Amino acid sequence: MQNAFASAGGMLDLAGVDVRPAAGAVANARLVVDAARDAGVPVIYLVMGYPPDQSTAGGEDSPNPRKELALRLMRERPELKGKLLTIGTWDFQILDALTPHQGELVITKPRYDGFVGTSLDAELRSRGIRTLLMAGIASNICVESTLRDAYFHEYWPVMIEDATMAAGSPEIQRATIYNVTTFFGWVSTAKEVAGALHAK
């Protein structure tokens, strides 16, 4: 989870999304990450961002610059140019509460979906990983996009519902949980997942 999605003054906050519920999602993600580390289960971070020249954002023939929120905000509000989801900025940084440990894989993704334009699939397969425990913000954007693609790549995705937060109303979170439960994977809680990891 990055400052962009969970911190006051971050990209989602600047876009008018209430990020106060992020604190609970972050605490629950930390519970799972700590349990995974204790159990020797790999922790992999996906961070969204672009280099300062936005060379991975997509060109004139790409819909991404027109729809992706950070790119739109920077275009609409010139004072934000180069400050949102730009590699090396505060907005791009992973939250202090979830700082990766040495040796943990951090993959920068240029799209909502963590499989697109990244080495994620190869990294997972090289480690023999088939089950994915997924936390993050926003559940209805990056988490759901990556989770759906994980399902299509023949992984077993599990959304940790209370370690995620939607960009939008509680109804949107419920819709994402419904989509995952019904069509694309499984849903659990941080307490259940941490308990299973501790029992491993």
N, C-alpha and C. Protein backbone atom coordinates (compact mmCIF):
# COMPACT_ATOMS: atom_id res chain seq x y z
N MET A 1 0.85 -1.18 0.00
CA MET A 1 0.00 0.00 0.00
C MET A 1 0.89 1.24 0.00
N GLN A 2 0.51 2.19 -0.82
CA GLN A 2 1.32 3.38 -1.03
C GLN A 2 0.64 4.60 -0.43
N ASN A 3 1.43 5.65 -0.19
CA ASN A 3 0.86 6.91 0.29
C ASN A 3 -0.24 7.41 -0.62
N ALA A 4 -0.11 7.18 -1.91
CA ALA A 4 -1.11 7.63 -2.87
C ALA A 4 -2.51 7.18 -2.51
N PHE A 5 -2.62 5.98 -1.96
CA PHE A 5 -3.92 5.36 -1.75
C PHE A 5 -4.40 5.37 -0.30
N ALA A 6 -3.53 5.64 0.63
CA ALA A 6 -3.90 5.46 2.04
C ALA A 6 -3.60 6.65 2.94
N SER A 7 -2.97 7.68 2.42
CA SER A 7 -2.53 8.79 3.27
C SER A 7 -3.25 10.09 2.93
N ALA A 8 -3.48 10.90 3.97
CA ALA A 8 -3.97 12.26 3.75
C ALA A 8 -2.94 13.00 2.90
N GLY A 9 -3.41 13.69 1.88
CA GLY A 9 -2.51 14.38 0.96
C GLY A 9 -2.05 13.53 -0.20
N GLY A 10 -2.42 12.25 -0.18
CA GLY A 10 -2.08 11.36 -1.29
C GLY A 10 -3.07 11.49 -2.43
N MET A 11 -2.81 10.77 -3.50
CA MET A 11 -3.58 10.90 -4.72
C MET A 11 -5.08 10.68 -4.52
N LEU A 12 -5.46 9.59 -3.83
CA LEU A 12 -6.90 9.35 -3.63
C LEU A 12 -7.54 10.45 -2.81
N ASP A 13 -6.86 10.90 -1.77
CA ASP A 13 -7.37 11.99 -0.94
C ASP A 13 -7.56 13.24 -1.79
N LEU A 14 -6.59 13.56 -2.61
CA LEU A 14 -6.69 14.74 -3.48
C LEU A 14 -7.83 14.61 -4.48
N ALA A 15 -8.19 13.38 -4.81
CA ALA A 15 -9.29 13.14 -5.75
C ALA A 15 -10.65 13.15 -5.06
N GLY A 16 -10.66 13.33 -3.74
CA GLY A 16 -11.91 13.41 -3.02
C GLY A 16 -12.40 12.12 -2.39
N VAL A 17 -11.57 11.08 -2.40
CA VAL A 17 -11.93 9.81 -1.77
C VAL A 17 -11.59 9.89 -0.28
N ASP A 18 -12.51 9.45 0.55
CA ASP A 18 -12.28 9.42 2.00
C ASP A 18 -11.29 8.29 2.31
N VAL A 19 -10.08 8.65 2.71
CA VAL A 19 -9.05 7.64 2.97
C VAL A 19 -8.96 7.26 4.45
N ARG A 20 -9.84 7.81 5.28
CA ARG A 20 -9.79 7.47 6.71
C ARG A 20 -9.94 5.97 6.97
N PRO A 21 -10.80 5.25 6.22
CA PRO A 21 -10.90 3.80 6.46
C PRO A 21 -9.63 3.02 6.13
N ALA A 22 -8.69 3.66 5.46
CA ALA A 22 -7.45 2.97 5.09
C ALA A 22 -6.67 2.51 6.31
N ALA A 23 -6.79 3.21 7.42
CA ALA A 23 -6.02 2.85 8.62
C ALA A 23 -6.34 1.42 9.06
N GLY A 24 -7.60 1.04 9.02
CA GLY A 24 -7.97 -0.32 9.38
C GLY A 24 -7.44 -1.34 8.41
N ALA A 25 -7.50 -1.02 7.12
CA ALA A 25 -6.98 -1.93 6.10
C ALA A 25 -5.48 -2.12 6.26
N VAL A 26 -4.78 -1.03 6.55
CA VAL A 26 -3.32 -1.10 6.74
C VAL A 26 -2.98 -1.96 7.95
N ALA A 27 -3.68 -1.76 9.06
CA ALA A 27 -3.41 -2.56 10.26
C ALA A 27 -3.66 -4.04 10.01
N ASN A 28 -4.72 -4.35 9.27
CA ASN A 28 -5.01 -5.76 8.98
C ASN A 28 -4.02 -6.34 7.98
N ALA A 29 -3.58 -5.54 7.03
CA ALA A 29 -2.54 -6.01 6.10
C ALA A 29 -1.26 -6.31 6.87
N ARG A 30 -0.93 -5.45 7.82
CA ARG A 30 0.28 -5.66 8.64
C ARG A 30 0.19 -6.97 9.43
N LEU A 31 -1.00 -7.27 9.96
CA LEU A 31 -1.22 -8.51 10.68
C LEU A 31 -0.90 -9.72 9.80
N VAL A 32 -1.37 -9.67 8.56
CA VAL A 32 -1.15 -10.79 7.63
C VAL A 32 0.31 -10.85 7.19
N VAL A 33 0.90 -9.71 6.89
CA VAL A 33 2.30 -9.68 6.46
C VAL A 33 3.21 -10.23 7.55
N ASP A 34 2.97 -9.83 8.79
CA ASP A 34 3.79 -10.34 9.90
C ASP A 34 3.62 -11.85 10.05
N ALA A 35 2.39 -12.33 9.92
CA ALA A 35 2.14 -13.78 10.04
C ALA A 35 2.80 -14.53 8.89
N ALA A 36 2.76 -13.96 7.69
CA ALA A 36 3.40 -14.60 6.54
C ALA A 36 4.90 -14.70 6.75
N ARG A 37 5.50 -13.62 7.21
CA ARG A 37 6.95 -13.64 7.47
C ARG A 37 7.30 -14.69 8.51
N ASP A 38 6.52 -14.74 9.58
CA ASP A 38 6.78 -15.72 10.64
C ASP A 38 6.67 -17.15 10.12
N ALA A 39 5.77 -17.36 9.14
CA ALA A 39 5.54 -18.70 8.59
C ALA A 39 6.47 -19.03 7.42
N GLY A 40 7.32 -18.07 7.04
CA GLY A 40 8.22 -18.30 5.91
C GLY A 40 7.52 -18.24 4.56
N VAL A 41 6.37 -17.58 4.52
CA VAL A 41 5.62 -17.43 3.27
C VAL A 41 6.11 -16.15 2.58
N PRO A 42 6.46 -16.20 1.30
CA PRO A 42 6.96 -15.01 0.61
C PRO A 42 5.96 -13.86 0.62
N VAL A 43 6.48 -12.66 0.83
CA VAL A 43 5.69 -11.43 0.75
C VAL A 43 6.16 -10.68 -0.49
N ILE A 44 5.23 -10.39 -1.38
CA ILE A 44 5.54 -9.68 -2.62
C ILE A 44 4.73 -8.40 -2.66
N TYR A 45 5.39 -7.30 -2.94
CA TYR A 45 4.74 -6.00 -3.02
C TYR A 45 4.54 -5.60 -4.48
N LEU A 46 3.36 -5.10 -4.79
CA LEU A 46 3.09 -4.47 -6.08
C LEU A 46 2.87 -2.99 -5.82
N VAL A 47 3.61 -2.15 -6.50
CA VAL A 47 3.42 -0.71 -6.38
C VAL A 47 3.14 -0.14 -7.76
N MET A 48 2.21 0.80 -7.81
CA MET A 48 1.87 1.40 -9.09
C MET A 48 2.61 2.71 -9.24
N GLY A 49 3.16 2.94 -10.42
CA GLY A 49 3.84 4.20 -10.63
C GLY A 49 4.48 4.31 -12.00
N TYR A 50 4.93 5.51 -12.25
CA TYR A 50 5.52 5.85 -13.55
C TYR A 50 6.83 6.60 -13.33
N PRO A 51 7.78 6.46 -14.27
CA PRO A 51 8.97 7.31 -14.18
C PRO A 51 8.58 8.77 -14.43
N PRO A 52 9.44 9.71 -14.06
CA PRO A 52 9.09 11.12 -14.23
C PRO A 52 8.70 11.50 -15.66
N ASP A 53 9.26 10.81 -16.65
CA ASP A 53 8.89 11.13 -18.04
C ASP A 53 7.61 10.44 -18.49
N GLN A 54 7.01 9.66 -17.60
CA GLN A 54 5.76 8.94 -17.87
C GLN A 54 5.85 8.02 -19.09
N SER A 55 7.05 7.51 -19.35
CA SER A 55 7.27 6.69 -20.55
C SER A 55 6.52 5.37 -20.51
N THR A 56 6.10 4.93 -19.34
CA THR A 56 5.35 3.67 -19.26
C THR A 56 3.85 3.89 -19.09
N ALA A 57 3.42 5.14 -19.17
CA ALA A 57 2.01 5.47 -18.92
C ALA A 57 1.10 5.17 -20.11
N GLY A 58 1.69 5.01 -21.28
CA GLY A 58 0.88 4.80 -22.49
C GLY A 58 0.89 6.05 -23.35
N GLY A 59 0.92 5.84 -24.63
CA GLY A 59 0.98 6.96 -25.56
C GLY A 59 -0.39 7.41 -26.04
N GLU A 60 -0.39 8.07 -27.17
CA GLU A 60 -1.62 8.62 -27.74
C GLU A 60 -2.66 7.55 -28.05
N ASP A 61 -2.21 6.34 -28.35
CA ASP A 61 -3.15 5.27 -28.72
C ASP A 61 -3.58 4.43 -27.51
N SER A 62 -3.21 4.86 -26.30
CA SER A 62 -3.55 4.12 -25.08
C SER A 62 -4.66 4.82 -24.31
N PRO A 63 -5.62 4.05 -23.79
CA PRO A 63 -6.64 4.67 -22.95
C PRO A 63 -6.13 5.02 -21.55
N ASN A 64 -5.01 4.43 -21.13
CA ASN A 64 -4.54 4.61 -19.76
C ASN A 64 -4.35 6.07 -19.35
N PRO A 65 -3.68 6.91 -20.17
CA PRO A 65 -3.51 8.30 -19.74
C PRO A 65 -4.82 9.07 -19.61
N ARG A 66 -5.85 8.59 -20.25
CA ARG A 66 -7.13 9.28 -20.21
C ARG A 66 -8.00 8.85 -19.02
N LYS A 67 -7.78 7.62 -18.52
CA LYS A 67 -8.63 7.10 -17.46
C LYS A 67 -7.93 6.92 -16.11
N GLU A 68 -6.63 6.65 -16.11
CA GLU A 68 -5.93 6.39 -14.84
C GLU A 68 -5.93 7.68 -14.01
N LEU A 69 -6.34 7.55 -12.76
CA LEU A 69 -6.64 8.72 -11.93
C LEU A 69 -5.46 9.66 -11.72
N ALA A 70 -4.30 9.14 -11.39
CA ALA A 70 -3.14 10.02 -11.14
C ALA A 70 -2.79 10.82 -12.39
N LEU A 71 -2.78 10.16 -13.53
CA LEU A 71 -2.44 10.85 -14.77
C LEU A 71 -3.48 11.92 -15.10
N ARG A 72 -4.74 11.60 -14.88
CA ARG A 72 -5.80 12.59 -15.13
C ARG A 72 -5.67 13.78 -14.20
N LEU A 73 -5.44 13.51 -12.91
CA LEU A 73 -5.31 14.62 -11.95
C LEU A 73 -4.13 15.52 -12.30
N MET A 74 -3.01 14.92 -12.69
CA MET A 74 -1.84 15.73 -13.03
C MET A 74 -2.09 16.56 -14.28
N ARG A 75 -2.90 16.04 -15.19
CA ARG A 75 -3.23 16.79 -16.40
C ARG A 75 -4.20 17.93 -16.08
N GLU A 76 -5.18 17.63 -15.23
CA GLU A 76 -6.21 18.63 -14.90
C GLU A 76 -5.71 19.69 -13.92
N ARG A 77 -4.73 19.32 -13.09
CA ARG A 77 -4.20 20.24 -12.08
C ARG A 77 -2.69 20.33 -12.25
N PRO A 78 -2.22 21.24 -13.10
CA PRO A 78 -0.79 21.30 -13.45
C PRO A 78 0.15 21.40 -12.25
N GLU A 79 -0.33 21.94 -11.13
CA GLU A 79 0.55 22.05 -9.95
C GLU A 79 0.90 20.69 -9.37
N LEU A 80 0.17 19.64 -9.77
CA LEU A 80 0.44 18.29 -9.29
C LEU A 80 1.36 17.50 -10.23
N LYS A 81 1.71 18.07 -11.36
CA LYS A 81 2.50 17.34 -12.35
C LYS A 81 3.80 16.82 -11.73
N GLY A 82 4.03 15.53 -11.95
CA GLY A 82 5.24 14.89 -11.44
C GLY A 82 5.19 14.53 -9.97
N LYS A 83 4.05 14.74 -9.30
CA LYS A 83 3.96 14.49 -7.87
C LYS A 83 3.13 13.26 -7.51
N LEU A 84 2.29 12.78 -8.43
CA LEU A 84 1.39 11.67 -8.11
C LEU A 84 1.85 10.39 -8.78
N LEU A 85 2.01 9.34 -7.97
CA LEU A 85 2.44 8.02 -8.45
C LEU A 85 3.65 8.10 -9.38
N THR A 86 4.51 9.06 -9.09
CA THR A 86 5.74 9.21 -9.84
C THR A 86 6.87 8.59 -9.03
N ILE A 87 7.60 7.69 -9.65
CA ILE A 87 8.67 6.97 -8.95
C ILE A 87 9.62 7.97 -8.29
N GLY A 88 9.91 7.72 -7.02
CA GLY A 88 10.81 8.59 -6.27
C GLY A 88 10.10 9.64 -5.43
N THR A 89 8.78 9.79 -5.59
CA THR A 89 8.05 10.79 -4.81
C THR A 89 7.44 10.17 -3.55
N TRP A 90 7.02 11.04 -2.63
CA TRP A 90 6.34 10.59 -1.41
C TRP A 90 5.07 9.82 -1.76
N ASP A 91 4.32 10.29 -2.74
CA ASP A 91 3.06 9.66 -3.13
C ASP A 91 3.28 8.20 -3.56
N PHE A 92 4.38 7.93 -4.22
CA PHE A 92 4.71 6.59 -4.73
C PHE A 92 5.16 5.64 -3.62
N GLN A 93 5.70 6.17 -2.53
CA GLN A 93 6.33 5.34 -1.50
C GLN A 93 5.34 4.41 -0.81
N ILE A 94 5.84 3.23 -0.43
CA ILE A 94 5.08 2.30 0.39
C ILE A 94 4.96 2.89 1.80
N LEU A 95 3.81 2.69 2.41
CA LEU A 95 3.58 3.19 3.76
C LEU A 95 4.63 2.68 4.74
N ASP A 96 5.03 3.52 5.67
CA ASP A 96 6.03 3.12 6.67
C ASP A 96 5.60 1.87 7.43
N ALA A 97 4.31 1.74 7.71
CA ALA A 97 3.81 0.59 8.48
C ALA A 97 3.97 -0.73 7.74
N LEU A 98 4.18 -0.65 6.43
CA LEU A 98 4.29 -1.87 5.62
C LEU A 98 5.60 -1.93 4.85
N THR A 99 6.63 -1.29 5.37
CA THR A 99 7.92 -1.26 4.69
C THR A 99 8.42 -2.68 4.39
N PRO A 100 8.81 -2.94 3.14
CA PRO A 100 9.34 -4.27 2.81
C PRO A 100 10.61 -4.58 3.60
N HIS A 101 10.77 -5.84 3.94
CA HIS A 101 12.01 -6.30 4.56
C HIS A 101 13.04 -6.58 3.46
N GLN A 102 14.30 -6.60 3.85
CA GLN A 102 15.36 -6.89 2.90
C GLN A 102 15.11 -8.23 2.23
N GLY A 103 15.24 -8.25 0.91
CA GLY A 103 15.05 -9.47 0.14
C GLY A 103 13.64 -9.70 -0.35
N GLU A 104 12.67 -8.92 0.14
CA GLU A 104 11.30 -9.08 -0.34
C GLU A 104 11.14 -8.39 -1.69
N LEU A 105 10.42 -9.05 -2.56
CA LEU A 105 10.27 -8.59 -3.93
C LEU A 105 9.30 -7.41 -4.00
N VAL A 106 9.71 -6.34 -4.68
CA VAL A 106 8.86 -5.18 -4.94
C VAL A 106 8.80 -4.99 -6.45
N ILE A 107 7.60 -5.08 -7.00
CA ILE A 107 7.40 -4.97 -8.45
C ILE A 107 6.62 -3.69 -8.74
N THR A 108 7.18 -2.85 -9.59
CA THR A 108 6.47 -1.64 -10.02
C THR A 108 5.63 -1.98 -11.24
N LYS A 109 4.35 -1.63 -11.16
CA LYS A 109 3.42 -1.93 -12.25
C LYS A 109 2.92 -0.63 -12.88
N PRO A 110 2.80 -0.61 -14.21
CA PRO A 110 2.35 0.60 -14.88
C PRO A 110 0.85 0.64 -15.15
N ARG A 111 0.13 -0.39 -14.68
CA ARG A 111 -1.32 -0.45 -14.89
C ARG A 111 -1.96 -0.94 -13.60
N TYR A 112 -3.28 -0.86 -13.54
CA TYR A 112 -4.00 -1.35 -12.35
C TYR A 112 -3.70 -2.83 -12.10
N ASP A 113 -3.63 -3.60 -13.16
CA ASP A 113 -3.42 -5.04 -13.10
C ASP A 113 -1.94 -5.34 -12.91
N GLY A 114 -1.61 -6.06 -11.84
CA GLY A 114 -0.22 -6.34 -11.53
C GLY A 114 0.48 -7.29 -12.48
N PHE A 115 -0.26 -7.95 -13.36
CA PHE A 115 0.36 -8.86 -14.32
C PHE A 115 0.77 -8.15 -15.61
N VAL A 116 0.15 -7.03 -15.92
CA VAL A 116 0.38 -6.35 -17.19
C VAL A 116 1.68 -5.55 -17.14
N GLY A 117 2.59 -5.87 -18.05
CA GLY A 117 3.83 -5.13 -18.16
C GLY A 117 4.80 -5.36 -17.02
N THR A 118 4.66 -6.50 -16.31
CA THR A 118 5.56 -6.80 -15.19
C THR A 118 6.05 -8.24 -15.27
N SER A 119 6.93 -8.58 -14.36
CA SER A 119 7.46 -9.94 -14.26
C SER A 119 6.70 -10.78 -13.23
N LEU A 120 5.54 -10.31 -12.79
CA LEU A 120 4.84 -10.97 -11.69
C LEU A 120 4.58 -12.45 -11.96
N ASP A 121 4.04 -12.78 -13.11
CA ASP A 121 3.72 -14.18 -13.40
C ASP A 121 4.98 -15.05 -13.34
N ALA A 122 6.05 -14.59 -13.96
CA ALA A 122 7.30 -15.35 -13.96
C ALA A 122 7.87 -15.49 -12.54
N GLU A 123 7.79 -14.42 -11.76
CA GLU A 123 8.30 -14.46 -10.38
C GLU A 123 7.51 -15.46 -9.54
N LEU A 124 6.20 -15.46 -9.68
CA LEU A 124 5.37 -16.40 -8.92
C LEU A 124 5.67 -17.84 -9.32
N ARG A 125 5.72 -18.08 -10.63
CA ARG A 125 5.94 -19.45 -11.11
C ARG A 125 7.33 -19.95 -10.73
N SER A 126 8.33 -19.07 -10.76
CA SER A 126 9.69 -19.50 -10.40
C SER A 126 9.79 -19.89 -8.92
N ARG A 127 8.89 -19.37 -8.11
CA ARG A 127 8.87 -19.69 -6.68
C ARG A 127 7.87 -20.80 -6.35
N GLY A 128 7.17 -21.30 -7.36
CA GLY A 128 6.19 -22.36 -7.13
C GLY A 128 4.95 -21.89 -6.39
N ILE A 129 4.66 -20.60 -6.46
CA ILE A 129 3.51 -20.03 -5.75
C ILE A 129 2.25 -20.18 -6.60
N ARG A 130 1.20 -20.73 -6.01
CA ARG A 130 -0.09 -20.90 -6.71
C ARG A 130 -1.23 -20.18 -6.01
N THR A 131 -1.13 -20.02 -4.69
CA THR A 131 -2.18 -19.34 -3.92
C THR A 131 -1.71 -17.93 -3.60
N LEU A 132 -2.57 -16.95 -3.87
CA LEU A 132 -2.23 -15.55 -3.65
C LEU A 132 -3.16 -14.96 -2.60
N LEU A 133 -2.60 -14.47 -1.52
CA LEU A 133 -3.34 -13.77 -0.48
C LEU A 133 -3.22 -12.28 -0.77
N MET A 134 -4.33 -11.64 -1.09
CA MET A 134 -4.26 -10.29 -1.66
C MET A 134 -4.86 -9.24 -0.74
N ALA A 135 -4.05 -8.22 -0.48
CA ALA A 135 -4.48 -7.06 0.31
C ALA A 135 -4.11 -5.82 -0.49
N GLY A 136 -4.75 -4.70 -0.20
CA GLY A 136 -4.36 -3.48 -0.87
C GLY A 136 -5.49 -2.49 -1.04
N ILE A 137 -5.12 -1.37 -1.60
CA ILE A 137 -6.05 -0.29 -1.90
C ILE A 137 -5.74 0.18 -3.32
N ALA A 138 -6.73 0.22 -4.15
CA ALA A 138 -8.16 0.12 -3.88
C ALA A 138 -8.68 -1.25 -4.32
N SER A 139 -9.55 -1.79 -3.48
CA SER A 139 -10.05 -3.14 -3.74
C SER A 139 -10.78 -3.25 -5.07
N ASN A 140 -11.52 -2.23 -5.46
CA ASN A 140 -12.31 -2.28 -6.69
C ASN A 140 -11.51 -1.89 -7.93
N ILE A 141 -10.26 -1.52 -7.75
CA ILE A 141 -9.45 -1.11 -8.91
C ILE A 141 -8.26 -2.06 -9.02
N CYS A 142 -7.17 -1.76 -8.34
CA CYS A 142 -5.96 -2.57 -8.49
C CYS A 142 -6.11 -3.99 -7.95
N VAL A 143 -6.72 -4.12 -6.77
CA VAL A 143 -6.85 -5.46 -6.19
C VAL A 143 -7.72 -6.34 -7.07
N GLU A 144 -8.91 -5.84 -7.43
CA GLU A 144 -9.81 -6.66 -8.25
C GLU A 144 -9.23 -6.92 -9.64
N SER A 145 -8.59 -5.93 -10.24
CA SER A 145 -7.98 -6.13 -11.56
C SER A 145 -6.93 -7.23 -11.51
N THR A 146 -6.05 -7.17 -10.52
CA THR A 146 -4.99 -8.16 -10.39
C THR A 146 -5.56 -9.52 -10.01
N LEU A 147 -6.54 -9.53 -9.13
CA LEU A 147 -7.15 -10.78 -8.71
C LEU A 147 -7.83 -11.49 -9.87
N ARG A 148 -8.57 -10.76 -10.68
CA ARG A 148 -9.22 -11.37 -11.85
C ARG A 148 -8.17 -11.97 -12.79
N ASP A 149 -7.10 -11.22 -13.04
CA ASP A 149 -6.08 -11.73 -13.95
C ASP A 149 -5.35 -12.92 -13.34
N ALA A 150 -5.17 -12.91 -12.03
CA ALA A 150 -4.57 -14.08 -11.36
C ALA A 150 -5.42 -15.32 -11.62
N TYR A 151 -6.72 -15.18 -11.50
CA TYR A 151 -7.65 -16.29 -11.77
C TYR A 151 -7.48 -16.77 -13.21
N PHE A 152 -7.38 -15.84 -14.15
CA PHE A 152 -7.23 -16.22 -15.56
C PHE A 152 -5.87 -16.86 -15.83
N HIS A 153 -4.88 -16.56 -14.99
CA HIS A 153 -3.56 -17.18 -15.09
C HIS A 153 -3.47 -18.49 -14.30
N GLU A 154 -4.60 -18.99 -13.82
CA GLU A 154 -4.70 -20.28 -13.10
C GLU A 154 -4.10 -20.25 -11.70
N TYR A 155 -4.10 -19.06 -11.07
CA TYR A 155 -3.74 -18.98 -9.65
C TYR A 155 -5.02 -19.10 -8.81
N TRP A 156 -4.82 -19.30 -7.52
CA TRP A 156 -5.92 -19.39 -6.56
C TRP A 156 -5.91 -18.11 -5.73
N PRO A 157 -6.68 -17.09 -6.12
CA PRO A 157 -6.61 -15.81 -5.42
C PRO A 157 -7.58 -15.71 -4.25
N VAL A 158 -7.08 -15.15 -3.16
CA VAL A 158 -7.88 -14.92 -1.95
C VAL A 158 -7.81 -13.44 -1.61
N MET A 159 -8.94 -12.78 -1.61
CA MET A 159 -9.02 -11.38 -1.20
C MET A 159 -9.20 -11.32 0.32
N ILE A 160 -8.32 -10.59 0.98
CA ILE A 160 -8.45 -10.39 2.43
C ILE A 160 -9.29 -9.13 2.60
N GLU A 161 -10.59 -9.32 2.80
CA GLU A 161 -11.53 -8.21 2.66
C GLU A 161 -11.28 -7.05 3.61
N ASP A 162 -10.86 -7.32 4.84
CA ASP A 162 -10.64 -6.22 5.78
C ASP A 162 -9.21 -5.68 5.72
N ALA A 163 -8.43 -6.17 4.78
CA ALA A 163 -7.10 -5.62 4.50
C ALA A 163 -7.12 -4.92 3.14
N THR A 164 -8.33 -4.53 2.72
CA THR A 164 -8.53 -3.77 1.49
C THR A 164 -9.48 -2.62 1.79
N MET A 165 -9.52 -1.67 0.88
CA MET A 165 -10.46 -0.56 0.96
C MET A 165 -10.82 -0.15 -0.45
N ALA A 166 -12.09 0.11 -0.68
CA ALA A 166 -12.52 0.54 -2.01
C ALA A 166 -12.28 2.03 -2.19
N ALA A 167 -12.10 2.43 -3.44
CA ALA A 167 -12.13 3.84 -3.80
C ALA A 167 -13.59 4.16 -4.09
N GLY A 168 -14.31 4.55 -3.05
CA GLY A 168 -15.73 4.82 -3.20
C GLY A 168 -16.51 4.36 -1.99
N SER A 169 -17.79 4.17 -2.19
CA SER A 169 -18.72 3.89 -1.10
C SER A 169 -18.61 2.45 -0.61
N PRO A 170 -19.20 2.16 0.56
CA PRO A 170 -19.24 0.78 1.05
C PRO A 170 -19.93 -0.18 0.08
N GLU A 171 -20.87 0.32 -0.71
CA GLU A 171 -21.53 -0.53 -1.70
C GLU A 171 -20.54 -1.06 -2.72
N ILE A 172 -19.55 -0.25 -3.06
CA ILE A 172 -18.54 -0.67 -4.03
C ILE A 172 -17.70 -1.80 -3.45
N GLN A 173 -17.34 -1.69 -2.18
CA GLN A 173 -16.59 -2.77 -1.52
C GLN A 173 -17.42 -4.06 -1.53
N ARG A 174 -18.70 -3.93 -1.21
CA ARG A 174 -19.57 -5.12 -1.21
C ARG A 174 -19.67 -5.73 -2.60
N ALA A 175 -19.73 -4.89 -3.62
CA ALA A 175 -19.80 -5.40 -5.00
C ALA A 175 -18.53 -6.15 -5.37
N THR A 176 -17.38 -5.63 -4.96
CA THR A 176 -16.11 -6.32 -5.23
C THR A 176 -16.08 -7.66 -4.52
N ILE A 177 -16.48 -7.68 -3.26
CA ILE A 177 -16.52 -8.95 -2.51
C ILE A 177 -17.45 -9.94 -3.20
N TYR A 178 -18.59 -9.47 -3.66
CA TYR A 178 -19.53 -10.34 -4.38
C TYR A 178 -18.88 -10.90 -5.65
N ASN A 179 -18.25 -10.03 -6.43
CA ASN A 179 -17.60 -10.48 -7.68
C ASN A 179 -16.55 -11.54 -7.40
N VAL A 180 -15.72 -11.30 -6.40
CA VAL A 180 -14.66 -12.25 -6.08
C VAL A 180 -15.25 -13.57 -5.59
N THR A 181 -16.15 -13.49 -4.63
CA THR A 181 -16.73 -14.70 -4.05
C THR A 181 -17.48 -15.54 -5.09
N THR A 182 -18.19 -14.87 -5.96
CA THR A 182 -19.07 -15.56 -6.90
C THR A 182 -18.34 -16.06 -8.14
N PHE A 183 -17.35 -15.30 -8.62
CA PHE A 183 -16.79 -15.59 -9.93
C PHE A 183 -15.28 -15.81 -10.00
N PHE A 184 -14.49 -15.17 -9.15
CA PHE A 184 -13.06 -15.09 -9.42
C PHE A 184 -12.13 -15.62 -8.34
N GLY A 185 -12.65 -15.97 -7.18
CA GLY A 185 -11.73 -16.42 -6.14
C GLY A 185 -12.43 -16.63 -4.82
N TRP A 186 -11.74 -16.31 -3.76
CA TRP A 186 -12.22 -16.54 -2.41
C TRP A 186 -12.00 -15.28 -1.59
N VAL A 187 -12.77 -15.16 -0.52
CA VAL A 187 -12.66 -14.00 0.36
C VAL A 187 -12.49 -14.49 1.79
N SER A 188 -11.57 -13.86 2.51
CA SER A 188 -11.34 -14.21 3.91
C SER A 188 -11.06 -12.93 4.68
N THR A 189 -10.79 -13.07 5.96
CA THR A 189 -10.44 -11.93 6.81
C THR A 189 -8.99 -12.03 7.25
N ALA A 190 -8.45 -10.92 7.71
CA ALA A 190 -7.06 -10.91 8.17
C ALA A 190 -6.86 -11.86 9.34
N LYS A 191 -7.80 -11.89 10.25
CA LYS A 191 -7.68 -12.78 11.41
C LYS A 191 -7.66 -14.24 10.98
N GLU A 192 -8.54 -14.60 10.05
CA GLU A 192 -8.58 -15.99 9.57
C GLU A 192 -7.29 -16.36 8.85
N VAL A 193 -6.82 -15.47 7.99
CA VAL A 193 -5.60 -15.74 7.22
C VAL A 193 -4.39 -15.81 8.15
N ALA A 194 -4.27 -14.86 9.06
CA ALA A 194 -3.14 -14.88 10.00
C ALA A 194 -3.17 -16.14 10.85
N GLY A 195 -4.36 -16.55 11.28
CA GLY A 195 -4.48 -17.78 12.06
C GLY A 195 -4.03 -18.99 11.28
N ALA A 196 -4.42 -19.06 10.01
CA ALA A 196 -4.01 -20.19 9.17
C ALA A 196 -2.50 -20.18 8.95
N LEU A 197 -1.93 -19.00 8.78
CA LEU A 197 -0.48 -18.91 8.59
C LEU A 197 0.27 -19.32 9.85
N HIS A 198 -0.23 -18.91 11.00
CA HIS A 198 0.43 -19.29 12.26
C HIS A 198 0.34 -20.79 12.52
N ALA A 199 -0.71 -21.42 11.98
CA ALA A 199 -0.89 -22.87 12.17
C ALA A 199 -0.09 -23.68 11.17
N LYS A 200 0.52 -23.01 10.20
CA LYS A 200 1.26 -23.67 9.12
C LYS A 200 2.47 -24.43 9.65
